[in-house]
Amino acid sequence: MKRVVTLGEIMLRLSTPGFERFVQADSFDVCYGGGEANCCVSLSNYGLETRFVTKVPKNEIGQSAVNSLRRYGVDTNYIARGGDRLGIYFLETGASQRASNVIYDRAHAAIAEAKADEFNWDEIFDGVDWFHFTGITPALSDDAAELTLAALKAAKAKNITVSVDLNYRKKLWSQEKAKEVMTGLMDYVDVCIGNEEDAEKVFGIKAADTDISKGEISHGAYEEVARQIIEKFGVKLVASTLRESYSASDNGWSAILFDGDKSYLSKKYELRIVDRVGGGDSFASGLIYGLVTEMPYQDALEFAVAASALKHTIPGDTNHVSKDEVLALAGGDGSGRVQR
């Protein structure tokens, strides 16, 4: 069985019930999530062995975050304990023309102050096939960036395939800092995942003739962005999600994959969104699953896009779908009929 390791932050998510605004809410719904943790849950649901690496405080809130992963079969044996707190984010879910809003409360979270020598990388990567991280983790702090670099060096020393989801977050770091740090980390990356904003904000590579706010996408422009990333960093594959934002409730959703010679374009889904948080993570994990199990590139891409389309219908950070459900949608069964 294939084994995947991810490194990152798991956070406490506090979201307003339904579509209430922050100023309306008298209570919050609780769940746990984070880019790399979300990927681990999805991959575990698809039948792979997964291991999540992070640091959480040694208290009941930290333990609750760990428990949220264990229930899906994620290996949590290499999670370090210590530090003052778990990061929190507040979510107000948008609808129609009102955008969603996220407020972070994650300063001095345990993972942001973790040191590389707190983790036994030789054991962590024993028998591992794939390592995944996102641009969120090195954005947390200089210590987190050093931790990410140490993990990447250890992974490549064992010839493990490495993927990154660029995941630029303007509330965490500047474009200048992101470019400086991520450029150095890209030396260890085999598969790069991102969208048009990530490529532009992190590397200054812009997709021409594209305006997602108007539903305008040029597939040729995305292929050129992918080509520039491959030429600049020597990665093997570049995948980009193509989100057409008609409103907060309705999006067009597809993706493109480029291997340096040929581009692969997925089918497009018209989404009615329940919760879009974690949509990119579900795409990344779907693509990782397809590639690590040696699906043809087109099939891996279709699996990833179908998995992510399903995630948009599920409240919470994580994608609670099975491999068979994803394959059914990718195969054309998008009717939504009751399964009896």
Protein backbone atom coordinates (compact mmCIF):
# COMPACT_ATOMS: atom_id res chain seq x y z
CA MET A 1 0.00 0.00 0.00
CA LYS A 2 1.25 3.49 -0.87
CA ARG A 3 2.18 5.77 2.02
CA VAL A 4 1.91 9.57 2.03
CA VAL A 5 3.27 12.05 4.58
CA THR A 6 2.13 15.66 4.94
CA LEU A 7 3.50 18.46 7.12
CA GLY A 8 1.54 21.49 8.25
CA GLU A 9 -0.77 23.16 10.71
CA ILE A 10 -4.07 21.81 11.99
CA MET A 11 -6.37 24.52 13.29
CA LEU A 12 -9.55 24.90 15.25
CA ARG A 13 -12.24 26.22 12.91
CA LEU A 14 -15.09 28.26 14.36
CA SER A 15 -17.75 28.97 11.76
CA THR A 16 -21.04 30.83 12.03
CA PRO A 17 -24.12 28.61 11.74
CA GLY A 18 -25.61 28.48 8.28
CA PHE A 19 -24.92 31.71 6.44
CA GLU A 20 -24.99 34.04 9.45
CA ARG A 21 -22.60 36.96 9.64
CA PHE A 22 -20.15 37.28 12.52
CA VAL A 23 -22.17 40.11 14.07
CA GLN A 24 -25.30 37.92 14.06
CA ALA A 25 -23.84 34.76 15.54
CA ASP A 26 -24.48 33.70 19.14
CA SER A 27 -22.58 30.41 18.68
CA PHE A 28 -20.01 28.80 16.42
CA ASP A 29 -19.81 25.38 14.82
CA VAL A 30 -16.55 23.56 15.61
CA CYS A 31 -14.34 21.42 13.43
CA TYR A 32 -10.61 20.98 12.81
CA GLY A 33 -8.69 21.35 9.57
CA GLY A 34 -5.79 22.75 7.63
CA GLY A 35 -4.40 22.26 4.15
CA GLU A 36 -2.10 19.32 4.73
CA ALA A 37 -4.32 17.73 7.39
CA ASN A 38 -7.27 17.88 4.99
CA CYS A 39 -5.18 16.09 2.36
CA CYS A 40 -4.30 13.32 4.83
CA VAL A 41 -7.96 12.67 5.64
CA SER A 42 -8.92 12.44 1.97
CA LEU A 43 -6.06 10.10 1.12
CA SER A 44 -6.89 7.90 4.09
CA ASN A 45 -10.50 7.75 2.91
CA TYR A 46 -9.23 6.55 -0.48
CA GLY A 47 -7.40 3.67 1.19
CA LEU A 48 -3.82 4.92 1.43
CA GLU A 49 -1.61 4.91 4.53
CA THR A 50 -1.18 8.51 5.67
CA ARG A 51 0.95 10.24 8.28
CA PHE A 52 0.48 13.83 9.44
CA VAL A 53 3.36 15.75 11.00
CA THR A 54 2.77 18.87 13.08
CA LYS A 55 3.04 20.25 16.60
CA VAL A 56 0.09 20.89 18.88
CA PRO A 57 -0.15 22.13 22.47
CA LYS A 58 -0.13 19.52 25.21
CA ASN A 59 -3.68 20.15 26.35
CA GLU A 60 -7.23 19.02 25.61
CA ILE A 61 -7.63 21.28 22.57
CA GLY A 62 -4.46 19.91 21.01
CA GLN A 63 -5.65 16.38 21.76
CA SER A 64 -9.03 17.12 20.18
CA ALA A 65 -7.28 18.15 16.97
CA VAL A 66 -5.27 14.91 17.00
CA ASN A 67 -8.42 12.87 17.65
CA SER A 68 -10.11 14.48 14.65
CA LEU A 69 -7.44 12.87 12.45
CA ARG A 70 -7.27 9.51 14.20
CA ARG A 71 -10.94 8.82 13.52
CA TYR A 72 -10.09 8.61 9.81
CA GLY A 73 -7.08 6.35 10.26
CA VAL A 74 -4.39 9.02 9.89
CA ASP A 75 -1.10 8.11 11.64
CA THR A 76 -0.52 10.76 14.31
CA ASN A 77 2.44 9.10 16.04
CA TYR A 78 4.90 11.77 14.89
CA ILE A 79 2.95 14.80 16.06
CA ALA A 80 5.06 16.77 18.55
CA ARG A 81 3.48 18.14 21.73
CA GLY A 82 4.19 21.49 23.31
CA GLY A 83 3.85 25.21 22.80
CA ASP A 84 1.19 27.54 24.05
CA ARG A 85 -1.76 27.20 21.71
CA LEU A 86 -3.53 25.81 18.69
CA GLY A 87 -4.21 28.20 15.84
CA ILE A 88 -7.82 29.28 15.31
CA TYR A 89 -9.67 30.63 12.33
CA PHE A 90 -13.15 32.08 12.18
CA LEU A 91 -15.27 31.53 9.07
CA GLU A 92 -18.29 33.44 7.85
CA THR A 93 -19.73 31.58 4.86
CA GLY A 94 -20.80 33.82 2.00
CA ALA A 95 -23.73 33.41 -0.35
CA SER A 96 -24.69 34.79 -3.74
CA GLN A 97 -22.90 38.14 -4.18
CA ARG A 98 -21.60 38.23 -0.57
CA ALA A 99 -18.14 36.72 -0.26
CA SER A 100 -17.01 34.43 2.53
CA ASN A 101 -14.75 35.97 5.16
CA VAL A 102 -11.93 34.40 7.20
CA ILE A 103 -10.32 35.90 10.30
CA TYR A 104 -7.14 34.25 11.60
CA ASP A 105 -6.09 33.98 15.24
CA ARG A 106 -2.97 31.85 14.82
CA ALA A 107 -0.03 33.96 16.02
CA HIS A 108 2.42 31.96 18.18
CA ALA A 109 0.67 28.68 17.44
CA ALA A 110 2.68 25.59 18.42
CA ILE A 111 3.59 24.66 14.84
CA ALA A 112 4.84 28.19 14.09
CA GLU A 113 7.45 27.85 16.86
CA ALA A 114 8.40 24.20 16.21
CA LYS A 115 12.04 23.35 15.48
CA ALA A 116 13.27 20.85 12.91
CA ASP A 117 15.16 18.81 15.51
CA GLU A 118 11.91 17.97 17.31
CA PHE A 119 11.13 15.44 14.56
CA ASN A 120 12.84 12.17 13.63
CA TRP A 121 12.76 12.59 9.86
CA ASP A 122 14.48 9.28 9.18
CA GLU A 123 11.64 7.43 10.92
CA ILE A 124 8.94 9.72 9.56
CA PHE A 125 9.95 9.02 5.96
CA ASP A 126 10.63 5.31 6.36
CA GLY A 127 8.82 3.43 3.60
CA VAL A 128 7.12 6.59 2.31
CA ASP A 129 6.24 7.14 -1.35
CA TRP A 130 5.06 10.77 -1.36
CA PHE A 131 5.53 13.94 0.68
CA HIS A 132 3.18 16.92 0.41
CA PHE A 133 3.25 20.42 1.87
CA THR A 134 1.65 23.77 1.09
CA GLY A 135 2.82 27.36 0.91
CA ILE A 136 0.84 28.04 4.08
CA THR A 137 3.28 26.23 6.36
CA PRO A 138 6.47 28.20 5.57
CA ALA A 139 4.38 31.38 5.70
CA LEU A 140 3.65 30.87 9.41
CA SER A 141 7.10 31.91 10.65
CA ASP A 142 10.81 31.73 9.89
CA ASP A 143 10.97 28.65 12.14
CA ALA A 144 8.20 26.99 10.15
CA ALA A 145 10.04 27.77 6.92
CA GLU A 146 13.20 26.14 8.31
CA LEU A 147 11.13 23.17 9.46
CA THR A 148 9.71 22.79 5.95
CA LEU A 149 13.16 22.95 4.39
CA ALA A 150 14.49 20.28 6.76
CA ALA A 151 11.59 17.99 5.85
CA LEU A 152 12.17 18.54 2.14
CA LYS A 153 15.86 17.73 2.40
CA ALA A 154 15.10 14.55 4.32
CA ALA A 155 12.43 13.50 1.82
CA LYS A 156 14.66 14.02 -1.20
CA ALA A 157 17.50 12.13 0.51
CA LYS A 158 15.16 9.11 0.38
CA ASN A 159 14.09 9.81 -3.23
CA ILE A 160 10.50 10.50 -2.17
CA THR A 161 8.26 12.31 -4.66
CA VAL A 162 7.41 15.80 -3.37
CA SER A 163 4.38 17.95 -4.18
CA VAL A 164 3.50 21.48 -3.15
CA ASP A 165 0.23 23.39 -3.25
CA LEU A 166 1.36 27.01 -3.44
CA ASN A 167 -1.69 28.28 -1.50
CA TYR A 168 -0.68 31.95 -1.27
CA ARG A 169 -2.30 33.70 1.71
CA LYS A 170 -1.94 37.46 1.74
CA LYS A 171 -2.93 37.60 5.42
CA LEU A 172 0.16 35.52 6.30
CA TRP A 173 2.99 37.07 4.30
CA SER A 174 3.89 39.54 1.57
CA GLN A 175 4.43 38.65 -2.07
CA GLU A 176 8.10 39.53 -1.69
CA LYS A 177 8.60 37.21 1.28
CA ALA A 178 6.62 34.44 -0.39
CA LYS A 179 8.75 34.62 -3.53
CA GLU A 180 11.99 34.62 -1.53
CA VAL A 181 11.10 31.59 0.59
CA MET A 182 9.17 29.52 -1.93
CA THR A 183 11.81 29.92 -4.64
CA GLY A 184 14.31 28.15 -2.39
CA LEU A 185 11.87 25.37 -1.48
CA MET A 186 10.96 24.69 -5.11
CA ASP A 187 14.38 23.07 -5.64
CA TYR A 188 12.96 19.96 -3.94
CA VAL A 189 9.56 19.85 -5.66
CA ASP A 190 8.44 17.37 -8.34
CA VAL A 191 4.75 18.32 -8.68
CA CYS A 192 3.50 21.91 -8.33
CA ILE A 193 -0.18 22.64 -7.70
CA GLY A 194 -1.74 26.08 -7.67
CA ASN A 195 -4.12 28.48 -9.34
CA GLU A 196 -3.73 31.68 -11.32
CA GLU A 197 -3.47 33.87 -8.20
CA ASP A 198 -0.80 31.63 -6.62
CA ALA A 199 1.44 31.73 -9.68
CA GLU A 200 1.15 35.50 -9.98
CA LYS A 201 1.46 36.40 -6.30
CA VAL A 202 4.27 33.98 -5.44
CA PHE A 203 6.36 33.93 -8.62
CA GLY A 204 5.11 36.91 -10.64
CA ILE A 205 3.91 34.60 -13.43
CA LYS A 206 0.54 35.81 -14.71
CA ALA A 207 -2.00 34.01 -16.86
CA ALA A 208 -2.81 36.35 -19.77
CA ASP A 209 -6.38 36.93 -20.97
CA THR A 210 -7.86 35.56 -17.76
CA ASP A 211 -10.31 37.19 -15.35
CA ILE A 212 -12.04 34.70 -13.05
CA SER A 213 -14.28 37.43 -11.64
CA LYS A 214 -15.80 37.69 -15.13
CA GLY A 215 -15.74 33.97 -15.84
CA GLU A 216 -13.04 34.38 -18.48
CA ILE A 217 -10.38 31.66 -18.72
CA SER A 218 -7.76 31.12 -21.43
CA HIS A 219 -6.48 27.55 -21.30
CA GLY A 220 -3.51 28.47 -23.49
CA ALA A 221 -2.48 31.12 -20.97
CA TYR A 222 -2.52 28.59 -18.15
CA GLU A 223 -0.39 26.21 -20.18
CA GLU A 224 2.14 29.00 -20.66
CA VAL A 225 2.21 29.67 -16.91
CA ALA A 226 2.85 25.97 -16.29
CA ARG A 227 5.59 25.94 -18.90
CA GLN A 228 7.33 28.87 -17.21
CA ILE A 229 7.18 27.12 -13.82
CA ILE A 230 8.69 23.95 -15.29
CA GLU A 231 11.46 25.90 -17.02
CA LYS A 232 12.23 27.97 -13.93
CA PHE A 233 12.20 25.23 -11.30
CA GLY A 234 12.62 21.95 -13.15
CA VAL A 235 9.45 20.36 -11.74
CA LYS A 236 7.94 17.43 -13.61
CA LEU A 237 4.26 18.36 -13.49
CA VAL A 238 2.21 21.51 -12.92
CA ALA A 239 -1.50 21.40 -12.12
CA SER A 240 -3.78 24.41 -11.90
CA THR A 241 -7.36 24.56 -10.76
CA LEU A 242 -9.60 26.74 -12.93
CA ARG A 243 -12.26 28.38 -10.79
CA GLU A 244 -14.78 30.63 -12.52
CA SER A 245 -16.44 32.64 -9.76
CA TYR A 246 -19.89 33.67 -10.90
CA SER A 247 -20.83 34.34 -7.27
CA ALA A 248 -20.06 32.99 -3.80
CA SER A 249 -22.70 30.33 -4.40
CA ASP A 250 -22.03 29.32 -8.00
CA ASN A 251 -18.70 28.50 -9.59
CA GLY A 252 -17.41 26.76 -12.67
CA TRP A 253 -14.76 24.20 -11.68
CA SER A 254 -12.17 22.41 -13.80
CA ALA A 255 -8.40 21.96 -13.93
CA ILE A 256 -5.44 21.61 -16.23
CA LEU A 257 -2.30 19.46 -15.93
CA PHE A 258 0.89 20.06 -17.92
CA ASP A 259 3.90 17.72 -18.17
CA GLY A 260 6.19 19.96 -20.18
CA ASP A 261 5.07 18.56 -23.52
CA LYS A 262 1.35 17.96 -23.32
CA SER A 263 -1.51 19.55 -21.44
CA TYR A 264 -4.52 17.68 -20.06
CA LEU A 265 -7.83 19.47 -19.49
CA SER A 266 -10.53 18.08 -17.23
CA LYS A 267 -14.27 18.17 -17.69
CA LYS A 268 -15.97 21.19 -16.14
CA TYR A 269 -18.45 21.07 -13.27
CA GLU A 270 -21.02 23.74 -12.50
CA LEU A 271 -21.00 23.92 -8.70
CA ARG A 272 -23.68 25.05 -6.26
CA ILE A 273 -21.45 25.61 -3.23
CA VAL A 274 -22.20 24.50 0.32
CA ASP A 275 -18.65 25.09 1.66
CA ARG A 276 -15.67 25.89 -0.54
CA VAL A 277 -13.04 25.79 2.22
CA GLY A 278 -10.83 22.79 1.55
CA GLY A 279 -11.77 22.67 -2.13
CA GLY A 280 -8.19 23.11 -3.22
CA ASP A 281 -6.96 20.56 -0.68
CA SER A 282 -9.42 18.00 -2.01
CA PHE A 283 -8.11 18.63 -5.52
CA ALA A 284 -4.50 18.24 -4.37
CA SER A 285 -5.21 15.01 -2.51
CA GLY A 286 -7.17 13.64 -5.45
CA LEU A 287 -4.29 14.37 -7.79
CA ILE A 288 -1.78 12.83 -5.38
CA TYR A 289 -3.93 9.72 -5.16
CA GLY A 290 -4.13 9.42 -8.92
CA LEU A 291 -0.42 9.93 -9.45
CA VAL A 292 0.88 7.79 -6.58
CA THR A 293 -1.35 4.90 -7.72
CA GLU A 294 -0.05 5.37 -11.27
CA MET A 295 -3.25 6.41 -13.00
CA PRO A 296 -2.77 7.89 -16.50
CA TYR A 297 -2.46 11.66 -16.26
CA GLN A 298 -5.93 12.34 -17.69
CA ASP A 299 -7.55 9.90 -15.27
CA ALA A 300 -5.63 11.33 -12.30
CA LEU A 301 -6.78 14.84 -13.24
CA GLU A 302 -10.42 13.76 -13.63
CA PHE A 303 -10.29 12.01 -10.26
CA ALA A 304 -8.91 15.17 -8.61
CA VAL A 305 -11.51 17.50 -10.11
CA ALA A 306 -14.40 15.15 -9.31
CA ALA A 307 -13.19 14.76 -5.72
CA SER A 308 -13.02 18.52 -5.31
CA ALA A 309 -16.43 19.06 -6.90
CA LEU A 310 -17.89 16.73 -4.27
CA LYS A 311 -16.06 18.53 -1.44
CA HIS A 312 -17.81 21.78 -2.35
CA THR A 313 -21.07 20.10 -1.28
CA ILE A 314 -19.85 19.12 2.21
CA PRO A 315 -19.68 21.42 5.27
CA GLY A 316 -16.34 21.55 7.08
CA ASP A 317 -12.71 21.52 6.02
CA THR A 318 -12.36 17.87 5.06
CA ASN A 319 -13.71 15.82 2.16
CA HIS A 320 -15.82 12.96 3.48
CA VAL A 321 -16.16 10.96 0.27
CA SER A 322 -14.98 7.52 -0.77
CA LYS A 323 -12.90 6.50 -3.76
CA ASP A 324 -15.95 4.83 -5.30
CA GLU A 325 -18.02 8.02 -5.03
CA VAL A 326 -15.29 10.00 -6.75
CA LEU A 327 -14.91 7.42 -9.51
CA ALA A 328 -18.67 7.41 -10.06
CA LEU A 329 -18.76 11.18 -10.58
CA ALA A 330 -15.62 11.17 -12.72
CA GLY A 331 -17.29 8.45 -14.80
CA GLY A 332 -20.27 10.66 -15.52
CA ASP A 333 -22.79 10.00 -12.73
CA GLY A 334 -23.50 13.52 -11.55
CA SER A 335 -27.27 13.20 -11.32
CA GLY A 336 -27.42 13.49 -7.53
CA ARG A 337 -30.15 10.82 -7.43
CA VAL A 338 -30.83 9.18 -4.09
CA GLN A 339 -28.75 6.02 -3.64
CA ARG A 340 -31.01 3.22 -2.34
